[in-house]
């Protein structure tokens, strides 16, 4: 099968192979999925640049949807022919953590080899290795959705949509009338914006450095847009003025430690500060003590605090009811050979998402 291989850190070390195979046959609770669509996310770029300290060689990619083509002997969660969104949570489903409703904190889903090329075993990024024509995952990771949802759009549910919307629904729990600021109006930020709209937020302030983001942010639900067009722009003062003293929820979606420190100062006393973006995993955040002191809540957020088997179908159904935008998040599609162009677009801040189509 075709797939991409990252041999070392750096975009120049990613190549397309025609000789990938699965690392092993199906185990009883595993499923084989033909990947029809895989989004190119900022996390993929961070992985390739070495910010997540993943071992190489590996098959990158983690935001995907496809069709189940084979199931193990003990699989009960899905069937051959199901359309599924893939989850990065390789959780067991049975431990106290899973049964307590926190599958993202299960220790079962450690890093594993997903594919081989000849005699070389390849790690799979985020338990998936999704930039390939097929992958094998634990049945918990293959979440069925209605076949009416286009797989090109459905792929984004697995990361960008879940991360942004889940930060609003699961972690911050934005309520009707709340005021929100979203720092970064890219693919994940747009999902924070539209989830805040669905939650009934009375004010949604979007901040971005790209003027082109204003139109899209407004279409997704932003009531105000601030253009951070220079290093001298005082985003904290602008948000404080627009919101009348600070917002109820400040979402940092870029993955910048400086912007996270700014978000703390944007929140009102007693408000939530939501760390959605992921910087280098060794990064340190520095902020004035007084900025957090007034009973503010600093929330760590991994994958939107998602419960994939509950949340993925919920998001798919919101889409089918015309309440959640997915199609509009897809800026461009390409084959597996289009990864570099997708990275270039991400770095330029020019679009929401490129989706790779492994089968063309």
Protein backbone atom coordinates (compact mmCIF):
# COMPACT_ATOMS: atom_id res chain seq x y z
CA UNK A 1 0.00 0.00 0.00
CA UNK A 2 1.00 3.64 -0.31
CA UNK A 3 1.86 5.72 2.70
CA UNK A 4 4.10 8.48 3.97
CA UNK A 5 7.19 7.81 6.07
CA UNK A 6 8.96 10.32 8.29
CA UNK A 7 12.57 9.16 8.59
CA UNK A 8 13.90 12.00 10.76
CA UNK A 9 12.84 15.40 12.05
CA UNK A 10 12.23 17.95 9.31
CA UNK A 11 9.88 18.30 6.34
CA UNK A 12 12.66 17.21 3.99
CA UNK A 13 12.73 13.81 5.71
CA UNK A 14 9.17 12.79 4.75
CA UNK A 15 8.77 10.60 1.67
CA UNK A 16 6.06 8.65 -0.11
CA UNK A 17 6.38 4.86 -0.18
CA UNK A 18 4.57 2.27 -2.31
CA UNK A 19 5.70 -0.63 -0.14
CA UNK A 20 3.95 -0.28 3.23
CA UNK A 21 2.39 -3.30 4.89
CA UNK A 22 0.63 -3.83 8.20
CA UNK A 23 2.98 -4.74 11.01
CA UNK A 24 0.92 -7.82 11.99
CA UNK A 25 -2.38 -9.60 11.45
CA UNK A 26 -5.51 -8.50 13.29
CA UNK A 27 -5.76 -9.20 16.99
CA UNK A 28 -9.21 -10.19 18.32
CA UNK A 29 -10.27 -6.62 19.22
CA UNK A 30 -8.66 -4.84 16.29
CA UNK A 31 -10.13 -3.56 13.02
CA UNK A 32 -8.59 -2.81 9.64
CA UNK A 33 -9.68 0.50 8.16
CA UNK A 34 -9.31 1.73 4.61
CA UNK A 35 -8.49 5.39 5.08
CA UNK A 36 -10.47 7.56 2.69
CA UNK A 37 -9.55 10.99 4.09
CA UNK A 38 -6.91 12.40 6.46
CA UNK A 39 -6.68 16.01 7.55
CA UNK A 40 -3.34 17.79 7.79
CA UNK A 41 -3.31 19.40 11.22
CA UNK A 42 -0.87 21.68 13.02
CA UNK A 43 0.01 18.70 15.19
CA UNK A 44 1.24 16.86 12.09
CA UNK A 45 3.58 19.75 11.35
CA UNK A 46 4.76 19.78 14.96
CA UNK A 47 5.39 16.04 14.83
CA UNK A 48 7.46 16.33 11.66
CA UNK A 49 9.47 19.18 13.20
CA UNK A 50 10.27 17.06 16.27
CA UNK A 51 8.26 19.08 18.79
CA UNK A 52 6.49 15.98 20.08
CA UNK A 53 9.68 13.92 20.42
CA UNK A 54 8.33 10.93 18.53
CA UNK A 55 10.66 8.10 17.52
CA UNK A 56 11.37 7.64 13.83
CA UNK A 57 10.86 6.20 11.32
CA UNK A 58 7.13 6.64 11.63
CA UNK A 59 3.97 6.96 9.58
CA UNK A 60 2.55 10.42 10.33
CA UNK A 61 -1.10 11.43 10.33
CA UNK A 62 -3.76 11.25 13.02
CA UNK A 63 -6.98 12.99 11.84
CA UNK A 64 -8.79 10.51 9.61
CA UNK A 65 -11.96 8.76 8.52
CA UNK A 66 -12.56 5.66 6.45
CA UNK A 67 -14.38 2.38 5.99
CA UNK A 68 -13.97 -0.78 8.06
CA UNK A 69 -12.81 -3.60 5.79
CA UNK A 70 -11.98 -6.34 8.32
CA UNK A 71 -12.69 -6.98 12.01
CA UNK A 72 -11.11 -9.22 14.63
CA UNK A 73 -12.89 -12.19 16.17
CA UNK A 74 -13.97 -10.34 19.34
CA UNK A 75 -14.97 -6.97 17.85
CA UNK A 76 -18.42 -5.71 18.84
CA UNK A 77 -18.20 -1.93 18.42
CA UNK A 78 -18.25 -1.81 14.62
CA UNK A 79 -18.85 -3.96 11.55
CA UNK A 80 -17.38 -4.39 8.09
CA UNK A 81 -18.64 -1.58 5.88
CA UNK A 82 -19.12 0.93 8.68
CA UNK A 83 -17.99 4.48 8.06
CA UNK A 84 -15.77 5.44 10.99
CA UNK A 85 -13.88 8.40 12.39
CA UNK A 86 -10.59 7.36 13.94
CA UNK A 87 -9.66 8.33 17.47
CA UNK A 88 -6.14 8.85 18.80
CA UNK A 89 -7.25 7.38 22.13
CA UNK A 90 -6.09 3.76 22.06
CA UNK A 91 -7.89 3.15 25.35
CA UNK A 92 -8.84 -0.26 26.70
CA UNK A 93 -12.46 0.55 27.57
CA UNK A 94 -12.45 -1.52 30.76
CA UNK A 95 -10.11 0.02 33.35
CA UNK A 96 -11.38 2.33 36.14
CA UNK A 97 -10.20 5.37 34.15
CA UNK A 98 -12.20 4.38 31.07
CA UNK A 99 -15.24 3.33 33.08
CA UNK A 100 -15.02 6.64 34.93
CA UNK A 101 -15.46 8.48 31.65
CA UNK A 102 -11.89 9.60 30.91
CA UNK A 103 -10.70 7.48 27.96
CA UNK A 104 -8.01 10.02 27.08
CA UNK A 105 -6.23 9.27 30.36
CA UNK A 106 -6.12 5.48 29.92
CA UNK A 107 -2.62 4.08 29.97
CA UNK A 108 -3.39 1.26 27.52
CA UNK A 109 -2.76 3.19 24.32
CA UNK A 110 1.02 3.40 24.32
CA UNK A 111 3.02 4.11 21.21
CA UNK A 112 3.17 1.14 18.86
CA UNK A 113 4.36 0.06 15.44
CA UNK A 114 1.54 0.23 12.90
CA UNK A 115 3.26 -0.54 9.57
CA UNK A 116 6.42 -1.98 8.08
CA UNK A 117 8.40 -1.24 4.94
CA UNK A 118 10.41 -4.32 4.13
CA UNK A 119 12.19 -5.28 7.35
CA UNK A 120 11.83 -1.81 8.88
CA UNK A 121 9.11 -1.44 11.51
CA UNK A 122 7.39 1.96 11.50
CA UNK A 123 5.86 3.71 14.46
CA UNK A 124 2.36 5.17 14.04
CA UNK A 125 1.85 8.77 15.04
CA UNK A 126 -0.83 9.10 17.75
CA UNK A 127 -1.64 5.38 17.70
CA UNK A 128 -2.83 5.67 14.09
CA UNK A 129 -0.28 6.32 11.35
CA UNK A 130 -3.11 7.75 9.26
CA UNK A 131 -1.19 9.04 6.22
CA UNK A 132 -1.49 5.65 4.56
CA UNK A 133 -4.10 3.81 2.55
CA UNK A 134 -4.94 1.50 5.46
CA UNK A 135 -4.26 1.19 9.15
CA UNK A 136 -5.12 -1.28 11.92
CA UNK A 137 -6.48 0.08 15.19
CA UNK A 138 -8.12 -1.11 18.39
CA UNK A 139 -11.90 -1.25 18.00
CA UNK A 140 -12.30 1.62 20.50
CA UNK A 141 -10.52 3.85 18.00
CA UNK A 142 -12.95 3.23 15.12
CA UNK A 143 -16.14 5.14 15.91
CA UNK A 144 -19.07 4.58 13.53
CA UNK A 145 -20.87 7.63 12.13
CA UNK A 146 -23.81 7.97 9.72
CA UNK A 147 -22.87 7.24 6.11
CA UNK A 148 -24.52 10.52 5.06
CA UNK A 149 -21.56 12.50 6.45
CA UNK A 150 -18.92 12.93 3.69
CA UNK A 151 -15.72 11.25 4.85
CA UNK A 152 -13.64 14.20 3.65
CA UNK A 153 -15.44 16.36 6.22
CA UNK A 154 -15.85 13.63 8.82
CA UNK A 155 -12.09 13.17 9.07
CA UNK A 156 -11.80 16.53 10.82
CA UNK A 157 -14.02 15.37 13.67
CA UNK A 158 -11.19 13.17 14.95
CA UNK A 159 -8.94 16.08 15.92
CA UNK A 160 -9.64 19.66 14.86
CA UNK A 161 -13.38 19.60 15.49
CA UNK A 162 -13.21 17.50 18.65
CA UNK A 163 -10.38 19.57 20.10
CA UNK A 164 -12.06 22.92 19.50
CA UNK A 165 -15.68 21.99 20.18
CA UNK A 166 -14.76 19.73 23.10
CA UNK A 167 -12.81 22.54 24.75
CA UNK A 168 -16.09 24.50 24.79
CA UNK A 169 -18.56 21.71 25.57
CA UNK A 170 -16.54 19.44 27.86
CA UNK A 171 -13.92 21.56 29.58
CA UNK A 172 -14.97 25.22 29.73
CA UNK A 173 -18.69 24.40 29.61
CA UNK A 174 -19.60 27.72 28.06
CA UNK A 175 -23.12 28.78 29.03
CA UNK A 176 -25.79 30.98 27.48
CA UNK A 177 -24.79 34.63 27.71
CA UNK A 178 -21.09 34.02 28.41
CA UNK A 179 -18.40 36.15 26.79
CA UNK A 180 -15.58 34.37 24.97
CA UNK A 181 -12.28 35.26 23.32
CA UNK A 182 -10.55 32.88 20.88
CA UNK A 183 -6.88 33.59 20.23
CA UNK A 184 -6.19 32.03 16.82
CA UNK A 185 -8.87 31.58 14.15
CA UNK A 186 -7.37 28.62 12.30
CA UNK A 187 -8.87 25.15 11.93
CA UNK A 188 -9.20 24.46 15.67
CA UNK A 189 -10.07 28.04 16.56
CA UNK A 190 -13.00 28.04 14.14
CA UNK A 191 -14.41 25.05 16.00
CA UNK A 192 -14.07 26.84 19.31
CA UNK A 193 -15.96 29.73 17.74
CA UNK A 194 -18.80 27.65 16.34
CA UNK A 195 -19.15 25.61 19.52
CA UNK A 196 -19.34 28.82 21.56
CA UNK A 197 -22.07 30.00 19.20
CA UNK A 198 -23.97 26.75 19.68
CA UNK A 199 -23.62 27.15 23.45
CA UNK A 200 -25.29 30.56 23.32
CA UNK A 201 -22.32 32.81 24.04
CA UNK A 202 -23.37 36.46 23.82
CA UNK A 203 -19.96 37.71 22.66
CA UNK A 204 -17.28 35.79 20.74
CA UNK A 205 -14.11 37.76 20.07
CA UNK A 206 -11.72 36.23 17.55
CA UNK A 207 -8.08 37.34 17.33
CA UNK A 208 -5.75 36.50 14.46
CA UNK A 209 -2.81 38.00 12.60
CA UNK A 210 -4.26 37.25 9.14
CA UNK A 211 -6.86 39.76 7.84
CA UNK A 212 -8.35 37.02 5.65
CA UNK A 213 -9.52 35.16 8.76
CA UNK A 214 -12.09 37.82 9.66
CA UNK A 215 -14.69 36.72 7.12
CA UNK A 216 -14.47 33.04 8.05
CA UNK A 217 -14.43 33.71 11.78
CA UNK A 218 -17.55 35.85 11.42
CA UNK A 219 -19.31 33.19 9.34
CA UNK A 220 -18.58 30.61 12.06
CA UNK A 221 -20.04 32.85 14.76
CA UNK A 222 -17.55 35.50 15.91
CA UNK A 223 -19.23 38.74 16.94
CA UNK A 224 -15.97 40.72 16.93
CA UNK A 225 -12.61 40.35 15.19
CA UNK A 226 -9.31 41.82 16.32
CA UNK A 227 -6.42 41.93 13.88
CA UNK A 228 -3.09 41.40 15.64
CA UNK A 229 -1.19 43.03 12.81
CA UNK A 230 1.96 44.03 14.70
CA UNK A 231 4.02 43.19 17.78
CA UNK A 232 2.83 46.46 19.30
CA UNK A 233 -0.83 45.43 19.23
CA UNK A 234 -2.13 45.20 22.81
CA UNK A 235 -4.57 42.32 22.57
CA UNK A 236 -5.20 42.25 26.31
CA UNK A 237 -6.27 45.90 26.40
CA UNK A 238 -8.41 45.45 23.28
CA UNK A 239 -10.24 42.45 24.76
CA UNK A 240 -10.71 44.15 28.11
CA UNK A 241 -12.26 47.14 26.36
CA UNK A 242 -14.51 45.14 24.02
CA UNK A 243 -15.78 42.83 26.76
CA UNK A 244 -16.22 45.47 29.43
CA UNK A 245 -13.52 44.21 31.77
CA UNK A 246 -12.68 40.67 30.71
CA UNK A 247 -14.27 37.55 29.26
CA UNK A 248 -15.74 34.52 30.97
CA UNK A 249 -13.63 32.14 28.85
CA UNK A 250 -10.31 32.84 27.13
CA UNK A 251 -9.19 30.15 24.65
CA UNK A 252 -5.56 30.12 23.46
CA UNK A 253 -5.52 27.98 20.30
CA UNK A 254 -2.17 28.86 18.70
CA UNK A 255 0.19 26.98 20.99
CA UNK A 256 2.15 30.07 22.08
CA UNK A 257 3.26 30.41 25.70
CA UNK A 258 3.22 34.20 25.36
CA UNK A 259 -0.33 34.18 24.05
CA UNK A 260 -1.41 31.85 26.84
CA UNK A 261 -0.04 34.34 29.36
CA UNK A 262 -2.01 37.05 27.54
CA UNK A 263 -5.16 34.90 27.69
CA UNK A 264 -4.86 34.73 31.48
CA UNK A 265 -5.05 38.53 31.59
CA UNK A 266 -8.00 38.57 29.18
CA UNK A 267 -10.20 36.53 31.52
CA UNK A 268 -12.34 38.21 34.16
CA UNK A 269 -11.97 37.38 37.83
CA UNK A 270 -13.34 33.84 38.27
CA UNK A 271 -13.13 33.14 34.54
CA UNK A 272 -11.66 30.19 32.64
CA UNK A 273 -8.36 30.21 30.77
CA UNK A 274 -8.30 27.35 28.28
CA UNK A 275 -4.95 26.05 27.01
CA UNK A 276 -6.06 24.44 23.73
CA UNK A 277 -2.98 25.03 21.55
CA UNK A 278 0.09 22.83 22.05
CA UNK A 279 3.59 24.37 21.99
CA UNK A 280 6.83 22.43 22.17
CA UNK A 281 6.17 19.89 24.93
CA UNK A 282 9.17 21.17 26.93
CA UNK A 283 7.88 24.78 26.88
CA UNK A 284 7.47 26.76 30.10
CA UNK A 285 4.70 29.31 30.62
CA UNK A 286 5.51 32.45 32.60
CA UNK A 287 2.80 34.81 33.82
CA UNK A 288 2.37 37.43 36.57
CA UNK A 289 0.94 35.81 39.67
CA UNK A 290 -1.69 38.50 40.04
CA UNK A 291 -3.05 37.70 36.57
CA UNK A 292 -4.27 34.26 37.72
CA UNK A 293 -4.80 35.05 41.39
CA UNK A 294 -8.42 36.23 41.27
CA UNK A 295 -10.02 32.78 41.35
CA UNK A 296 -9.35 32.16 37.67
CA UNK A 297 -9.27 28.59 36.39
CA UNK A 298 -6.37 27.51 34.15
CA UNK A 299 -7.64 24.47 32.23
CA UNK A 300 -5.35 22.00 30.53
CA UNK A 301 -7.12 20.60 27.49
CA UNK A 302 -6.12 17.49 25.57
CA UNK A 303 -8.19 16.64 22.50
CA UNK A 304 -11.10 18.64 23.84
CA UNK A 305 -11.52 16.38 26.86
CA UNK A 306 -13.27 14.10 24.40
CA UNK A 307 -15.15 10.88 24.91
CA UNK A 308 -14.96 9.75 21.27
CA UNK A 309 -17.63 7.04 21.32
CA UNK A 310 -20.10 9.60 22.65
CA UNK A 311 -18.81 12.82 21.10
CA UNK A 312 -17.99 11.79 17.50
CA UNK A 313 -21.57 10.68 16.69
CA UNK A 314 -22.90 13.78 18.47
CA UNK A 315 -20.79 16.06 16.28
CA UNK A 316 -21.74 14.11 13.15
CA UNK A 317 -25.42 14.49 13.98
CA UNK A 318 -25.05 18.21 14.63
CA UNK A 319 -23.59 18.43 11.12
CA UNK A 320 -26.50 16.49 9.61
CA UNK A 321 -28.93 18.85 11.35
CA UNK A 322 -27.20 21.85 9.79
CA UNK A 323 -25.93 23.13 13.13
CA UNK A 324 -22.19 22.37 12.80
CA UNK A 325 -20.04 23.44 9.86
CA UNK A 326 -17.66 20.78 8.56
CA UNK A 327 -17.56 21.15 4.78
CA UNK A 328 -16.47 24.79 5.14
CA UNK A 329 -13.39 23.71 7.11
CA UNK A 330 -11.97 21.84 4.12
CA UNK A 331 -9.92 24.33 2.13
CA UNK A 332 -8.23 21.93 -0.26
CA UNK A 333 -7.88 18.22 -1.05
CA UNK A 334 -4.82 16.39 -2.42
CA UNK A 335 -3.28 12.97 -2.72
CA UNK A 336 -0.62 11.72 -0.32
CA UNK A 337 1.93 13.53 -2.46
CA UNK A 338 0.35 16.85 -1.45
CA UNK A 339 1.63 16.91 2.13
CA UNK A 340 4.32 19.55 1.57
CA UNK A 341 1.86 21.96 -0.03
CA UNK A 342 -0.46 21.40 2.94
CA UNK A 343 2.38 22.21 5.35
CA UNK A 344 3.21 25.35 3.38
CA UNK A 345 -0.40 26.51 3.63
CA UNK A 346 -0.44 25.86 7.38
CA UNK A 347 2.73 27.87 7.91
CA UNK A 348 1.34 30.75 5.87
CA UNK A 349 -1.91 30.72 7.84
CA UNK A 350 -3.68 30.68 4.49
CA UNK A 351 -6.43 28.12 5.09
CA UNK A 352 -8.38 26.04 7.57
CA UNK A 353 -7.49 22.49 6.47
CA UNK A 354 -6.05 20.43 3.65
CA UNK A 355 -7.44 16.89 3.53
CA UNK A 356 -5.35 14.14 1.95
CA UNK A 357 -7.16 11.43 -0.02
CA UNK A 358 -4.94 8.33 0.15
CA UNK A 359 -6.88 6.60 -2.63
CA UNK A 360 -7.10 9.69 -4.85
